[in-house]
Amino acid sequence: METTRQQKIARQIQKDISDILLKEAASLVKGVMVSVTTVRVSPDLSFARIYLSIFPFNKNQEILDSFQKNNWMIRKALGSRMRNQVKQVPEIDFRLDDSLEYIENIDHLLKEE
């Protein structure tokens, strides 16, 4: 169960990361549609796990590796946006949210019958 503070920080991180990916890190996206689906923040606000949905699905690992490699740049941009709201910018970890791919697979299986 997340506290209200965790939920507020998670929503702020989600908004800021989406904006960063749209403006400052557009070169990492490489013409692929990336959306931030969920953010989970640790109770001490020192760690944030960011779930990304990437379309087309065949570029998932390539884009995810690019984000992990440039994690410091994204965290620095996040820090400049959140500096007045938290004492310490949380460490960020990008994960793949494969729920859309799962839904598409189930839909495809249902249509085959």
N, C-alpha and C. Protein backbone atom coordinates (compact mmCIF):
# COMPACT_ATOMS: atom_id res chain seq x y z
N MET A 1 0.85 -1.18 0.00
CA MET A 1 0.00 0.00 0.00
C MET A 1 0.89 1.24 0.00
N GLU A 2 0.71 2.08 -0.98
CA GLU A 2 1.51 3.30 -1.09
C GLU A 2 0.89 4.42 -0.28
N THR A 3 1.75 5.25 0.28
CA THR A 3 1.27 6.42 1.00
C THR A 3 0.88 7.51 0.00
N THR A 4 0.19 8.50 0.49
CA THR A 4 -0.22 9.61 -0.37
C THR A 4 1.00 10.31 -0.96
N ARG A 5 2.04 10.47 -0.15
CA ARG A 5 3.27 11.12 -0.61
C ARG A 5 3.92 10.32 -1.74
N GLN A 6 3.97 9.00 -1.60
CA GLN A 6 4.53 8.16 -2.65
C GLN A 6 3.73 8.29 -3.94
N GLN A 7 2.42 8.32 -3.81
CA GLN A 7 1.56 8.44 -4.99
C GLN A 7 1.76 9.79 -5.69
N LYS A 8 1.89 10.86 -4.91
CA LYS A 8 2.12 12.19 -5.51
C LYS A 8 3.46 12.25 -6.23
N ILE A 9 4.49 11.72 -5.59
CA ILE A 9 5.82 11.73 -6.21
C ILE A 9 5.81 10.85 -7.46
N ALA A 10 5.14 9.71 -7.40
CA ALA A 10 5.06 8.81 -8.57
C ALA A 10 4.36 9.50 -9.74
N ARG A 11 3.26 10.20 -9.47
CA ARG A 11 2.56 10.91 -10.54
C ARG A 11 3.44 12.02 -11.12
N GLN A 12 4.17 12.71 -10.26
CA GLN A 12 5.05 13.78 -10.73
C GLN A 12 6.18 13.22 -11.58
N ILE A 13 6.76 12.10 -11.15
CA ILE A 13 7.83 11.47 -11.93
C ILE A 13 7.29 11.00 -13.27
N GLN A 14 6.10 10.43 -13.28
CA GLN A 14 5.49 9.95 -14.52
C GLN A 14 5.31 11.12 -15.50
N LYS A 15 4.80 12.22 -15.01
CA LYS A 15 4.59 13.40 -15.85
C LYS A 15 5.92 13.95 -16.36
N ASP A 16 6.90 14.07 -15.46
CA ASP A 16 8.19 14.64 -15.84
C ASP A 16 8.96 13.74 -16.81
N ILE A 17 8.96 12.43 -16.56
CA ILE A 17 9.67 11.52 -17.46
C ILE A 17 9.03 11.53 -18.84
N SER A 18 7.71 11.58 -18.89
CA SER A 18 7.02 11.66 -20.19
C SER A 18 7.45 12.91 -20.95
N ASP A 19 7.52 14.02 -20.24
CA ASP A 19 7.95 15.27 -20.85
C ASP A 19 9.41 15.21 -21.29
N ILE A 20 10.26 14.62 -20.48
CA ILE A 20 11.68 14.48 -20.81
C ILE A 20 11.84 13.62 -22.07
N LEU A 21 11.10 12.51 -22.14
CA LEU A 21 11.21 11.64 -23.32
C LEU A 21 10.70 12.33 -24.57
N LEU A 22 9.75 13.21 -24.41
CA LEU A 22 9.19 13.92 -25.55
C LEU A 22 10.13 15.01 -26.05
N LYS A 23 10.79 15.71 -25.14
CA LYS A 23 11.58 16.88 -25.51
C LYS A 23 13.09 16.63 -25.50
N GLU A 24 13.63 16.25 -24.35
CA GLU A 24 15.08 16.21 -24.18
C GLU A 24 15.72 14.90 -24.64
N ALA A 25 15.00 13.80 -24.54
CA ALA A 25 15.58 12.51 -24.88
C ALA A 25 14.96 11.93 -26.15
N ALA A 26 14.54 12.78 -27.04
CA ALA A 26 13.90 12.33 -28.27
C ALA A 26 14.85 11.47 -29.12
N SER A 27 16.15 11.71 -29.01
CA SER A 27 17.11 10.92 -29.78
C SER A 27 17.16 9.47 -29.30
N LEU A 28 16.81 9.22 -28.04
CA LEU A 28 16.80 7.86 -27.51
C LEU A 28 15.59 7.07 -28.00
N VAL A 29 14.52 7.79 -28.29
CA VAL A 29 13.27 7.14 -28.69
C VAL A 29 13.35 6.64 -30.12
N LYS A 30 14.04 7.34 -31.00
CA LYS A 30 14.30 6.93 -32.38
C LYS A 30 13.03 6.63 -33.18
N GLY A 31 12.02 7.47 -33.07
CA GLY A 31 10.82 7.31 -33.86
C GLY A 31 9.88 6.22 -33.38
N VAL A 32 10.08 5.73 -32.19
CA VAL A 32 9.24 4.69 -31.62
C VAL A 32 8.31 5.33 -30.61
N MET A 33 7.09 4.81 -30.51
CA MET A 33 6.15 5.35 -29.54
C MET A 33 6.43 4.76 -28.15
N VAL A 34 6.79 5.62 -27.21
CA VAL A 34 7.10 5.19 -25.85
C VAL A 34 6.19 5.96 -24.91
N SER A 35 5.53 5.23 -24.01
CA SER A 35 4.69 5.89 -23.01
C SER A 35 5.03 5.34 -21.63
N VAL A 36 4.98 6.21 -20.65
CA VAL A 36 5.22 5.82 -19.27
C VAL A 36 3.88 5.37 -18.69
N THR A 37 3.77 4.08 -18.40
CA THR A 37 2.48 3.56 -17.95
C THR A 37 2.32 3.63 -16.44
N THR A 38 3.36 3.31 -15.69
CA THR A 38 3.27 3.29 -14.24
C THR A 38 4.61 3.66 -13.64
N VAL A 39 4.57 4.27 -12.46
CA VAL A 39 5.78 4.54 -11.70
C VAL A 39 5.53 4.04 -10.27
N ARG A 40 6.46 3.26 -9.75
CA ARG A 40 6.39 2.79 -8.37
C ARG A 40 7.56 3.38 -7.62
N VAL A 41 7.28 3.99 -6.47
CA VAL A 41 8.30 4.66 -5.68
C VAL A 41 8.46 3.93 -4.35
N SER A 42 9.70 3.78 -3.90
CA SER A 42 9.96 3.12 -2.63
C SER A 42 9.46 3.99 -1.47
N PRO A 43 9.20 3.40 -0.31
CA PRO A 43 8.68 4.17 0.83
C PRO A 43 9.58 5.34 1.26
N ASP A 44 10.90 5.19 1.09
CA ASP A 44 11.79 6.29 1.47
C ASP A 44 12.06 7.26 0.32
N LEU A 45 11.38 7.08 -0.80
CA LEU A 45 11.45 7.95 -1.98
C LEU A 45 12.84 7.99 -2.62
N SER A 46 13.65 6.97 -2.38
CA SER A 46 15.01 6.97 -2.93
C SER A 46 15.13 6.14 -4.21
N PHE A 47 14.08 5.41 -4.57
CA PHE A 47 14.13 4.54 -5.73
C PHE A 47 12.79 4.59 -6.46
N ALA A 48 12.85 4.70 -7.78
CA ALA A 48 11.63 4.70 -8.59
C ALA A 48 11.78 3.69 -9.72
N ARG A 49 10.80 2.83 -9.85
CA ARG A 49 10.76 1.87 -10.94
C ARG A 49 9.75 2.40 -11.95
N ILE A 50 10.22 2.62 -13.18
CA ILE A 50 9.40 3.24 -14.23
C ILE A 50 9.09 2.18 -15.27
N TYR A 51 7.80 1.96 -15.49
CA TYR A 51 7.35 0.97 -16.47
C TYR A 51 7.00 1.68 -17.78
N LEU A 52 7.60 1.20 -18.86
CA LEU A 52 7.43 1.80 -20.18
C LEU A 52 6.69 0.85 -21.11
N SER A 53 5.82 1.41 -21.91
CA SER A 53 5.17 0.67 -22.97
C SER A 53 5.76 1.16 -24.28
N ILE A 54 6.29 0.24 -25.07
CA ILE A 54 7.00 0.59 -26.29
C ILE A 54 6.30 -0.07 -27.48
N PHE A 55 6.04 0.74 -28.50
CA PHE A 55 5.41 0.23 -29.72
C PHE A 55 6.19 0.72 -30.92
N PRO A 56 6.60 -0.07 -31.85
CA PRO A 56 6.31 -1.48 -32.07
C PRO A 56 7.08 -2.37 -31.10
N PHE A 57 6.51 -3.53 -30.84
CA PHE A 57 7.03 -4.43 -29.82
C PHE A 57 8.40 -5.00 -30.15
N ASN A 58 8.74 -5.08 -31.41
CA ASN A 58 10.02 -5.70 -31.79
C ASN A 58 11.23 -4.84 -31.42
N LYS A 59 11.02 -3.59 -31.03
CA LYS A 59 12.13 -2.72 -30.64
C LYS A 59 12.21 -2.54 -29.13
N ASN A 60 11.47 -3.35 -28.38
CA ASN A 60 11.43 -3.23 -26.92
C ASN A 60 12.81 -3.22 -26.28
N GLN A 61 13.58 -4.26 -26.54
CA GLN A 61 14.86 -4.41 -25.86
C GLN A 61 15.86 -3.34 -26.28
N GLU A 62 15.86 -2.98 -27.54
CA GLU A 62 16.78 -1.95 -28.04
C GLU A 62 16.53 -0.60 -27.34
N ILE A 63 15.27 -0.20 -27.24
CA ILE A 63 14.93 1.07 -26.60
C ILE A 63 15.19 1.01 -25.10
N LEU A 64 14.83 -0.09 -24.47
CA LEU A 64 15.05 -0.25 -23.04
C LEU A 64 16.54 -0.20 -22.70
N ASP A 65 17.37 -0.84 -23.50
CA ASP A 65 18.82 -0.79 -23.30
C ASP A 65 19.35 0.62 -23.46
N SER A 66 18.81 1.35 -24.41
CA SER A 66 19.22 2.73 -24.63
C SER A 66 18.88 3.60 -23.42
N PHE A 67 17.70 3.38 -22.83
CA PHE A 67 17.31 4.14 -21.63
C PHE A 67 18.19 3.79 -20.44
N GLN A 68 18.50 2.51 -20.27
CA GLN A 68 19.36 2.10 -19.16
C GLN A 68 20.77 2.67 -19.31
N LYS A 69 21.25 2.71 -20.54
CA LYS A 69 22.59 3.23 -20.82
C LYS A 69 22.66 4.74 -20.54
N ASN A 70 21.59 5.46 -20.83
CA ASN A 70 21.54 6.92 -20.63
C ASN A 70 20.73 7.30 -19.39
N ASN A 71 20.69 6.41 -18.43
CA ASN A 71 19.95 6.62 -17.20
C ASN A 71 20.39 7.90 -16.48
N TRP A 72 21.69 8.16 -16.47
CA TRP A 72 22.23 9.34 -15.78
C TRP A 72 21.68 10.64 -16.38
N MET A 73 21.56 10.68 -17.71
CA MET A 73 21.07 11.89 -18.38
C MET A 73 19.59 12.14 -18.03
N ILE A 74 18.81 11.08 -18.04
CA ILE A 74 17.38 11.21 -17.74
C ILE A 74 17.20 11.58 -16.27
N ARG A 75 18.00 10.97 -15.40
CA ARG A 75 17.91 11.29 -13.96
C ARG A 75 18.32 12.75 -13.70
N LYS A 76 19.32 13.23 -14.41
CA LYS A 76 19.75 14.62 -14.26
C LYS A 76 18.64 15.58 -14.69
N ALA A 77 17.99 15.28 -15.81
CA ALA A 77 16.88 16.12 -16.27
C ALA A 77 15.72 16.05 -15.29
N LEU A 78 15.47 14.87 -14.73
CA LEU A 78 14.42 14.72 -13.73
C LEU A 78 14.76 15.52 -12.48
N GLY A 79 16.02 15.51 -12.09
CA GLY A 79 16.46 16.27 -10.91
C GLY A 79 16.27 17.76 -11.07
N SER A 80 16.50 18.26 -12.26
CA SER A 80 16.33 19.70 -12.47
C SER A 80 14.86 20.11 -12.40
N ARG A 81 13.97 19.17 -12.70
CA ARG A 81 12.53 19.47 -12.63
C ARG A 81 11.97 19.27 -11.22
N MET A 82 12.55 18.36 -10.45
CA MET A 82 12.00 18.02 -9.13
C MET A 82 12.79 18.60 -7.96
N ARG A 83 13.76 19.43 -8.22
CA ARG A 83 14.67 19.87 -7.16
C ARG A 83 13.99 20.58 -6.00
N ASN A 84 12.84 21.20 -6.22
CA ASN A 84 12.14 21.91 -5.15
C ASN A 84 11.13 21.03 -4.42
N GLN A 85 10.95 19.80 -4.86
CA GLN A 85 9.91 18.94 -4.28
C GLN A 85 10.47 17.81 -3.42
N VAL A 86 11.68 17.36 -3.71
CA VAL A 86 12.29 16.28 -2.93
C VAL A 86 13.72 16.65 -2.58
N LYS A 87 14.20 16.09 -1.47
CA LYS A 87 15.58 16.36 -1.07
C LYS A 87 16.57 15.65 -1.97
N GLN A 88 16.22 14.42 -2.33
CA GLN A 88 17.11 13.60 -3.13
C GLN A 88 16.33 13.05 -4.32
N VAL A 89 16.91 13.18 -5.50
CA VAL A 89 16.27 12.64 -6.70
C VAL A 89 16.40 11.13 -6.64
N PRO A 90 15.30 10.41 -6.81
CA PRO A 90 15.37 8.94 -6.69
C PRO A 90 16.18 8.30 -7.81
N GLU A 91 16.82 7.18 -7.47
CA GLU A 91 17.45 6.34 -8.48
C GLU A 91 16.33 5.82 -9.36
N ILE A 92 16.56 5.73 -10.65
CA ILE A 92 15.49 5.26 -11.53
C ILE A 92 15.91 3.97 -12.23
N ASP A 93 14.92 3.12 -12.42
CA ASP A 93 15.12 1.85 -13.09
C ASP A 93 13.99 1.68 -14.09
N PHE A 94 14.34 1.45 -15.34
CA PHE A 94 13.33 1.30 -16.38
C PHE A 94 12.99 -0.17 -16.55
N ARG A 95 11.70 -0.45 -16.63
CA ARG A 95 11.21 -1.81 -16.86
C ARG A 95 10.21 -1.78 -18.01
N LEU A 96 10.04 -2.90 -18.62
CA LEU A 96 9.12 -3.03 -19.74
C LEU A 96 7.74 -3.41 -19.23
N ASP A 97 6.74 -2.66 -19.63
CA ASP A 97 5.35 -2.99 -19.32
C ASP A 97 4.80 -3.69 -20.56
N ASP A 98 4.69 -5.00 -20.48
CA ASP A 98 4.28 -5.77 -21.64
C ASP A 98 2.79 -6.09 -21.64
N SER A 99 2.00 -5.34 -20.91
CA SER A 99 0.57 -5.62 -20.84
C SER A 99 -0.11 -5.42 -22.21
N LEU A 100 0.29 -4.43 -22.98
CA LEU A 100 -0.31 -4.22 -24.30
C LEU A 100 0.03 -5.36 -25.25
N GLU A 101 1.25 -5.83 -25.18
CA GLU A 101 1.66 -6.96 -26.02
C GLU A 101 0.88 -8.21 -25.62
N TYR A 102 0.66 -8.40 -24.33
CA TYR A 102 -0.11 -9.54 -23.83
C TYR A 102 -1.56 -9.46 -24.31
N ILE A 103 -2.14 -8.28 -24.24
CA ILE A 103 -3.52 -8.08 -24.70
C ILE A 103 -3.63 -8.37 -26.20
N GLU A 104 -2.66 -7.87 -26.97
CA GLU A 104 -2.68 -8.11 -28.41
C GLU A 104 -2.56 -9.60 -28.73
N ASN A 105 -1.73 -10.29 -27.98
CA ASN A 105 -1.55 -11.73 -28.19
C ASN A 105 -2.85 -12.48 -27.88
N ILE A 106 -3.50 -12.15 -26.79
CA ILE A 106 -4.77 -12.79 -26.43
C ILE A 106 -5.83 -12.49 -27.50
N ASP A 107 -5.88 -11.25 -27.96
CA ASP A 107 -6.84 -10.87 -29.00
C ASP A 107 -6.59 -11.67 -30.28
N HIS A 108 -5.33 -11.82 -30.64
CA HIS A 108 -4.97 -12.58 -31.84
C HIS A 108 -5.39 -14.04 -31.69
N LEU A 109 -5.17 -14.62 -30.51
CA LEU A 109 -5.55 -16.01 -30.27
C LEU A 109 -7.06 -16.20 -30.32
N LEU A 110 -7.81 -15.24 -29.83
CA LEU A 110 -9.26 -15.33 -29.84
C LEU A 110 -9.82 -15.21 -31.26
N LYS A 111 -9.19 -14.41 -32.08
CA LYS A 111 -9.65 -14.23 -33.46
C LYS A 111 -9.34 -15.44 -34.33
N GLU A 112 -8.34 -16.22 -33.96
CA GLU A 112 -7.98 -17.41 -34.72
C GLU A 112 -9.05 -18.48 -34.64
N GLU A 113 -9.76 -18.55 -33.53
CA GLU A 113 -10.76 -19.63 -33.33
C GLU A 113 -11.97 -19.46 -34.16
